[in-house]
Amino acid sequence: MQKYTHQLLDSANQIILGKEHKIRLAFCCLLARGHLLIEDIPGVGKTTLAHTLAKLLGLHYQRIQFTSDILPADILGASVFDGKSHEFTFHPGPIFNQMVLADEINRATPKAQSALLEAMEEGQVTIENKTYPLPKPFFVIATQNPSHQIGTFPLPESQLDRFLMRIELGYPDPKAERALLTGQSRYKLIESLSVQLPPEQLQQMQTLVTKVHTSDALLDYCQAIITFTRESSEYHCGLSPRAGLALLSAAKAWAFLELRDAVIPEDIQAVLAAVAGHRLRSGSTDSEAIVAPILAKVAVF
């Protein structure tokens, strides 16, 4: 099964050029059953990455363009009165897909953003006191523009915490950018992709990820990181228990991609910026800079 993951990553790297580590993190997030937030300026490939992963995984995919006037019903769906049956019939919204791209999520108001909270946490939505399960697997990949850009509403901490990881793609290097300028349209290349890892196999791999071993020493290291963020003056508030579970899940998925059956400290370090960067508040907005004091000061057990 491992060969399928490498085929998938190779195919994705042919679409999103020069971003091998970021693509690996994104796939790691999905293996850990997490939701992904991609924050960057427009035009660097955020939407393309989401579409590429959906195509390679064979997932039912829906893009929702978030705007300042979008309503929760536009995301979740609504009950509409049927004149013939004289009853209200529920019409599911775009959230009822296996992969949902919440494009430019921070252009929507907090009311619309909050429509995703239950779906992301519990895999279901409740409308008019009735609960509707979402398909499995279910992922939200959200993109957002930097908060300094016009027309954005910052995501509250409760919303940010629902995302297992946050990554930034950044500008391509000169070699990758030249290949983009001289190559085919990315959208045409995406259409030519075939499914590399069907949803059934993806779910099997997700189950295998949960069985990756974590030693007591590794758990001590994880707890030391969490404790440091709570006690250090570097941060306004520390990592929550949910964040600790997220860090461990992501580290297991990373170890799985590295063909290991046990987590080592380097796995935690590899995913730390993506998992903790959006959950910690410090003087920097760069995820790598935010977690730098942790990597420098917390000893490996």
Protein backbone atom coordinates (compact mmCIF):
# COMPACT_ATOMS: atom_id res chain seq x y z
CA MET A 1 0.00 0.00 0.00
CA GLN A 2 2.95 2.30 0.60
CA LYS A 3 3.72 2.44 -3.12
CA TYR A 4 0.35 4.09 -3.75
CA THR A 5 1.25 6.95 -1.43
CA HIS A 6 4.49 7.60 -3.29
CA GLN A 7 2.70 7.49 -6.63
CA LEU A 8 0.16 9.98 -5.32
CA LEU A 9 2.83 12.34 -4.02
CA ASP A 10 4.79 12.09 -7.29
CA SER A 11 1.66 12.93 -9.30
CA ALA A 12 0.85 15.90 -7.04
CA ASN A 13 4.42 17.18 -7.36
CA GLN A 14 4.00 17.28 -11.13
CA ILE A 15 1.07 19.70 -10.71
CA ILE A 16 2.31 21.84 -7.80
CA LEU A 17 5.95 22.38 -8.67
CA GLY A 18 8.70 22.85 -6.12
CA LYS A 19 6.52 22.31 -3.03
CA GLU A 20 7.29 18.70 -2.14
CA HIS A 21 7.40 19.28 1.63
CA LYS A 22 4.12 21.22 1.69
CA ILE A 23 2.35 18.58 -0.39
CA ARG A 24 3.65 15.90 1.96
CA LEU A 25 2.30 17.84 4.93
CA ALA A 26 -1.08 18.22 3.24
CA PHE A 27 -1.36 14.49 2.56
CA CYS A 28 -0.13 13.76 6.08
CA CYS A 29 -3.00 15.90 7.37
CA LEU A 30 -5.56 13.84 5.43
CA LEU A 31 -4.03 10.57 6.65
CA ALA A 32 -4.46 11.82 10.20
CA ARG A 33 -8.17 12.51 9.48
CA GLY A 34 -7.57 16.24 9.86
CA HIS A 35 -8.71 19.39 8.10
CA LEU A 36 -6.23 21.65 6.37
CA LEU A 37 -5.92 25.44 6.26
CA ILE A 38 -3.77 26.97 3.52
CA GLU A 39 -2.93 30.62 4.11
CA ASP A 40 -1.18 32.65 1.44
CA ILE A 41 -1.59 35.42 -1.07
CA PRO A 42 -3.83 34.80 -4.11
CA GLY A 43 -2.36 32.96 -7.07
CA VAL A 44 0.22 30.63 -5.51
CA GLY A 45 -1.72 27.38 -6.01
CA LYS A 46 -3.90 26.94 -2.91
CA THR A 47 -7.04 25.95 -4.81
CA THR A 48 -5.02 23.89 -7.28
CA LEU A 49 -3.54 21.82 -4.46
CA ALA A 50 -6.99 21.03 -3.03
CA HIS A 51 -8.36 20.08 -6.45
CA THR A 52 -5.31 17.91 -7.16
CA LEU A 53 -5.67 15.94 -3.91
CA ALA A 54 -9.39 15.40 -4.51
CA LYS A 55 -8.71 14.09 -8.01
CA LEU A 56 -5.90 11.75 -6.94
CA LEU A 57 -7.97 10.38 -4.06
CA GLY A 58 -11.16 9.95 -6.08
CA LEU A 59 -13.19 11.99 -3.61
CA HIS A 60 -16.48 13.74 -4.31
CA TYR A 61 -15.31 17.34 -4.37
CA GLN A 62 -17.11 20.64 -4.00
CA ARG A 63 -15.73 24.15 -3.94
CA ILE A 64 -17.51 26.84 -1.93
CA GLN A 65 -16.53 30.42 -2.70
CA PHE A 66 -16.80 32.34 0.56
CA THR A 67 -17.92 35.96 0.26
CA SER A 68 -19.10 38.57 2.72
CA ASP A 69 -22.77 37.86 1.92
CA ILE A 70 -22.69 34.05 2.10
CA LEU A 71 -25.15 32.53 4.60
CA PRO A 72 -24.95 29.32 6.65
CA ALA A 73 -27.76 27.84 4.54
CA ASP A 74 -25.61 28.33 1.44
CA ILE A 75 -23.11 25.93 3.02
CA LEU A 76 -25.22 23.46 4.98
CA GLY A 77 -28.45 23.39 2.99
CA ALA A 78 -32.00 24.28 3.95
CA SER A 79 -35.51 22.89 4.26
CA VAL A 80 -37.81 24.04 1.46
CA PHE A 81 -41.59 23.77 1.54
CA ASP A 82 -42.99 21.40 -1.09
CA GLY A 83 -46.37 22.61 -2.30
CA LYS A 84 -47.40 19.16 -3.56
CA SER A 85 -46.63 17.16 -0.43
CA HIS A 86 -47.28 20.10 1.93
CA GLU A 87 -44.11 19.20 3.79
CA PHE A 88 -40.67 20.69 4.23
CA THR A 89 -37.96 18.81 2.35
CA PHE A 90 -34.30 19.15 3.26
CA HIS A 91 -32.01 20.06 0.36
CA PRO A 92 -28.39 19.27 1.28
CA GLY A 93 -25.82 21.98 0.73
CA PRO A 94 -22.31 21.64 -0.71
CA ILE A 95 -20.95 20.55 2.69
CA PHE A 96 -22.31 17.06 1.91
CA ASN A 97 -19.26 16.00 -0.09
CA GLN A 98 -16.18 13.99 0.83
CA MET A 99 -13.83 16.92 0.23
CA VAL A 100 -15.00 20.50 0.57
CA LEU A 101 -12.84 23.43 -0.45
CA ALA A 102 -13.77 26.48 1.60
CA ASP A 103 -12.14 28.99 -0.70
CA GLU A 104 -11.10 32.30 0.89
CA ILE A 105 -12.85 31.36 4.12
CA ASN A 106 -11.87 34.57 5.87
CA ARG A 107 -13.80 36.69 3.39
CA ALA A 108 -17.02 35.42 5.02
CA THR A 109 -18.51 36.80 8.21
CA PRO A 110 -18.01 34.93 11.50
CA LYS A 111 -21.64 33.74 11.31
CA ALA A 112 -20.99 31.96 8.02
CA GLN A 113 -17.60 30.66 9.19
CA SER A 114 -19.22 29.09 12.26
CA ALA A 115 -21.45 26.95 10.03
CA LEU A 116 -18.44 24.66 9.56
CA LEU A 117 -17.71 24.07 13.25
CA GLU A 118 -19.97 21.07 13.90
CA ALA A 119 -19.23 19.54 10.49
CA MET A 120 -15.46 19.68 11.03
CA GLU A 121 -15.53 18.43 14.60
CA GLU A 122 -18.23 15.75 14.52
CA GLY A 123 -18.76 14.87 10.84
CA GLN A 124 -22.39 15.88 10.95
CA VAL A 125 -24.65 18.90 10.70
CA THR A 126 -27.75 19.73 12.72
CA ILE A 127 -30.52 21.69 11.05
CA GLU A 128 -33.89 22.36 12.67
CA ASN A 129 -33.17 19.85 15.45
CA LYS A 130 -32.40 17.07 12.98
CA THR A 131 -28.89 15.66 12.55
CA TYR A 132 -27.54 14.63 9.17
CA PRO A 133 -24.31 12.58 8.90
CA LEU A 134 -21.67 13.66 6.41
CA PRO A 135 -20.01 11.22 3.99
CA LYS A 136 -16.84 9.37 4.92
CA PRO A 137 -14.08 10.22 4.51
CA PHE A 138 -14.79 13.91 5.05
CA PHE A 139 -12.21 16.67 4.74
CA VAL A 140 -12.33 20.43 4.70
CA ILE A 141 -9.49 22.21 2.96
CA ALA A 142 -9.84 25.94 3.52
CA THR A 143 -7.83 28.72 1.95
CA GLN A 144 -7.49 32.18 3.36
CA ASN A 145 -5.83 35.39 2.32
CA PRO A 146 -3.43 37.15 4.71
CA SER A 147 -5.35 39.13 7.33
CA HIS A 148 -3.85 42.45 6.20
CA GLN A 149 -5.64 42.21 2.84
CA ILE A 150 -8.84 44.14 2.26
CA GLY A 151 -12.18 42.44 2.95
CA THR A 152 -11.07 39.73 5.38
CA PHE A 153 -12.54 38.65 8.72
CA PRO A 154 -10.01 36.95 11.04
CA LEU A 155 -10.85 33.36 11.94
CA PRO A 156 -11.60 33.02 15.68
CA GLU A 157 -9.43 30.70 17.74
CA SER A 158 -12.24 28.15 18.04
CA GLN A 159 -12.38 27.91 14.24
CA LEU A 160 -8.61 27.76 13.80
CA ASP A 161 -8.41 24.94 16.32
CA ARG A 162 -10.61 22.75 14.10
CA PHE A 163 -7.84 22.67 11.51
CA LEU A 164 -5.25 20.01 12.21
CA MET A 165 -2.65 21.89 10.14
CA ARG A 166 -2.01 25.26 8.59
CA ILE A 167 0.51 25.56 5.79
CA GLU A 168 1.76 28.27 3.46
CA LEU A 169 2.83 27.54 -0.11
CA GLY A 170 4.83 30.68 -0.86
CA TYR A 171 6.36 31.68 -4.18
CA PRO A 172 7.93 28.97 -6.36
CA ASP A 173 11.67 28.89 -6.82
CA PRO A 174 13.00 30.19 -10.20
CA LYS A 175 13.30 26.72 -11.73
CA ALA A 176 9.74 25.74 -10.79
CA GLU A 177 8.37 29.09 -11.93
CA ARG A 178 10.05 28.74 -15.34
CA ALA A 179 8.43 25.30 -15.70
CA LEU A 180 5.07 26.84 -14.84
CA LEU A 181 5.50 29.62 -17.39
CA THR A 182 6.47 27.28 -20.19
CA GLY A 183 4.29 24.28 -19.31
CA GLN A 184 0.67 23.32 -19.78
CA SER A 185 -2.28 24.76 -17.89
CA ARG A 186 -2.48 23.29 -14.40
CA TYR A 187 -6.24 22.77 -14.81
CA LYS A 188 -5.74 20.69 -17.94
CA LEU A 189 -3.11 18.62 -16.15
CA ILE A 190 -5.47 18.03 -13.23
CA GLU A 191 -8.18 16.80 -15.57
CA SER A 192 -5.77 14.22 -16.96
CA LEU A 193 -4.96 12.77 -13.52
CA SER A 194 -6.21 9.34 -12.55
CA VAL A 195 -7.20 8.12 -9.10
CA GLN A 196 -4.09 6.89 -7.27
CA LEU A 197 -5.62 6.03 -3.91
CA PRO A 198 -9.38 5.26 -3.83
CA PRO A 199 -11.37 6.34 -0.74
CA GLU A 200 -11.58 2.75 0.54
CA GLN A 201 -7.81 2.38 0.56
CA LEU A 202 -7.41 5.83 2.08
CA GLN A 203 -9.61 4.80 4.99
CA GLN A 204 -7.58 1.62 5.43
CA MET A 205 -4.41 3.70 5.60
CA GLN A 206 -6.01 6.04 8.12
CA THR A 207 -6.69 3.03 10.32
CA LEU A 208 -3.08 1.86 9.97
CA VAL A 209 -1.86 5.32 10.98
CA THR A 210 -3.67 5.06 14.32
CA LYS A 211 -1.73 1.85 15.04
CA VAL A 212 1.70 3.48 14.70
CA HIS A 213 3.47 2.98 18.03
CA THR A 214 4.34 5.82 20.42
CA SER A 215 6.77 5.01 23.23
CA ASP A 216 6.60 6.46 26.73
CA ALA A 217 9.71 8.54 26.00
CA LEU A 218 8.05 9.96 22.90
CA LEU A 219 4.94 10.84 24.90
CA ASP A 220 7.18 12.53 27.48
CA TYR A 221 8.68 14.66 24.70
CA CYS A 222 5.23 15.56 23.40
CA GLN A 223 4.06 16.55 26.89
CA ALA A 224 7.21 18.57 27.45
CA ILE A 225 6.43 20.60 24.33
CA ILE A 226 2.86 21.21 25.49
CA THR A 227 4.00 22.21 28.98
CA PHE A 228 6.64 24.57 27.59
CA THR A 229 4.05 26.48 25.54
CA ARG A 230 1.89 26.91 28.65
CA GLU A 231 4.68 28.09 30.93
CA SER A 232 6.85 30.10 28.55
CA SER A 233 6.55 33.87 28.25
CA GLU A 234 7.02 33.42 24.49
CA TYR A 235 3.30 32.69 24.06
CA HIS A 236 0.08 34.35 25.19
CA CYS A 237 -1.51 30.96 25.88
CA GLY A 238 -0.32 27.40 25.52
CA LEU A 239 -1.42 24.41 23.50
CA SER A 240 -4.69 22.79 24.51
CA PRO A 241 -5.25 19.05 25.04
CA ARG A 242 -6.87 18.95 21.60
CA ALA A 243 -3.71 20.45 20.13
CA GLY A 244 -1.65 17.77 21.87
CA LEU A 245 -3.79 15.05 20.32
CA ALA A 246 -3.47 16.76 16.94
CA LEU A 247 0.31 16.86 17.24
CA LEU A 248 0.46 13.18 18.07
CA SER A 249 -1.90 12.21 15.22
CA ALA A 250 0.08 14.23 12.69
CA ALA A 251 3.38 12.74 13.92
CA LYS A 252 1.97 9.22 13.50
CA ALA A 253 0.92 10.02 9.92
CA TRP A 254 4.35 11.47 9.17
CA ALA A 255 6.05 8.36 10.57
CA PHE A 256 3.75 6.22 8.42
CA LEU A 257 4.79 8.13 5.30
CA GLU A 258 8.41 7.59 6.31
CA LEU A 259 7.74 3.81 6.38
CA ARG A 260 8.17 3.56 10.15
CA ASP A 261 5.89 1.71 12.57
CA ALA A 262 6.85 3.93 15.50
CA VAL A 263 7.04 7.68 16.03
CA ILE A 264 10.43 9.28 16.67
CA PRO A 265 11.11 12.87 17.87
CA GLU A 266 11.98 13.96 14.33
CA ASP A 267 8.40 13.15 13.27
CA ILE A 268 7.01 15.54 15.87
CA GLN A 269 9.52 18.20 14.84
CA ALA A 270 8.59 17.78 11.17
CA VAL A 271 4.91 18.57 11.75
CA LEU A 272 5.21 20.93 14.72
CA ALA A 273 5.10 24.21 12.78
CA ALA A 274 2.08 23.13 10.72
CA VAL A 275 0.18 21.86 13.78
CA ALA A 276 1.10 24.47 16.39
CA GLY A 277 1.81 27.60 14.34
CA HIS A 278 -1.83 28.68 14.08
CA ARG A 279 -2.65 27.72 17.66
CA LEU A 280 0.05 29.79 19.38
CA ARG A 281 0.16 33.56 19.69
CA SER A 282 3.52 35.28 19.80
CA GLY A 283 5.25 38.28 18.28
CA SER A 284 5.55 36.57 14.89
CA THR A 285 3.05 35.36 12.30
CA ASP A 286 5.46 32.92 10.66
CA SER A 287 4.84 29.33 11.79
CA GLU A 288 8.50 28.34 11.69
CA ALA A 289 9.48 31.36 13.79
CA ILE A 290 6.65 30.69 16.25
CA VAL A 291 7.83 27.15 17.04
CA ALA A 292 11.57 27.95 16.91
CA PRO A 293 11.83 28.50 20.71
CA ILE A 294 10.22 25.10 21.28
CA LEU A 295 12.71 23.29 19.07
CA ALA A 296 15.58 25.18 20.64
CA LYS A 297 14.67 24.84 24.30
CA VAL A 298 12.72 21.59 24.77
CA ALA A 299 15.10 18.66 25.19
CA VAL A 300 14.51 15.42 23.33
CA PHE A 301 13.90 12.53 25.73
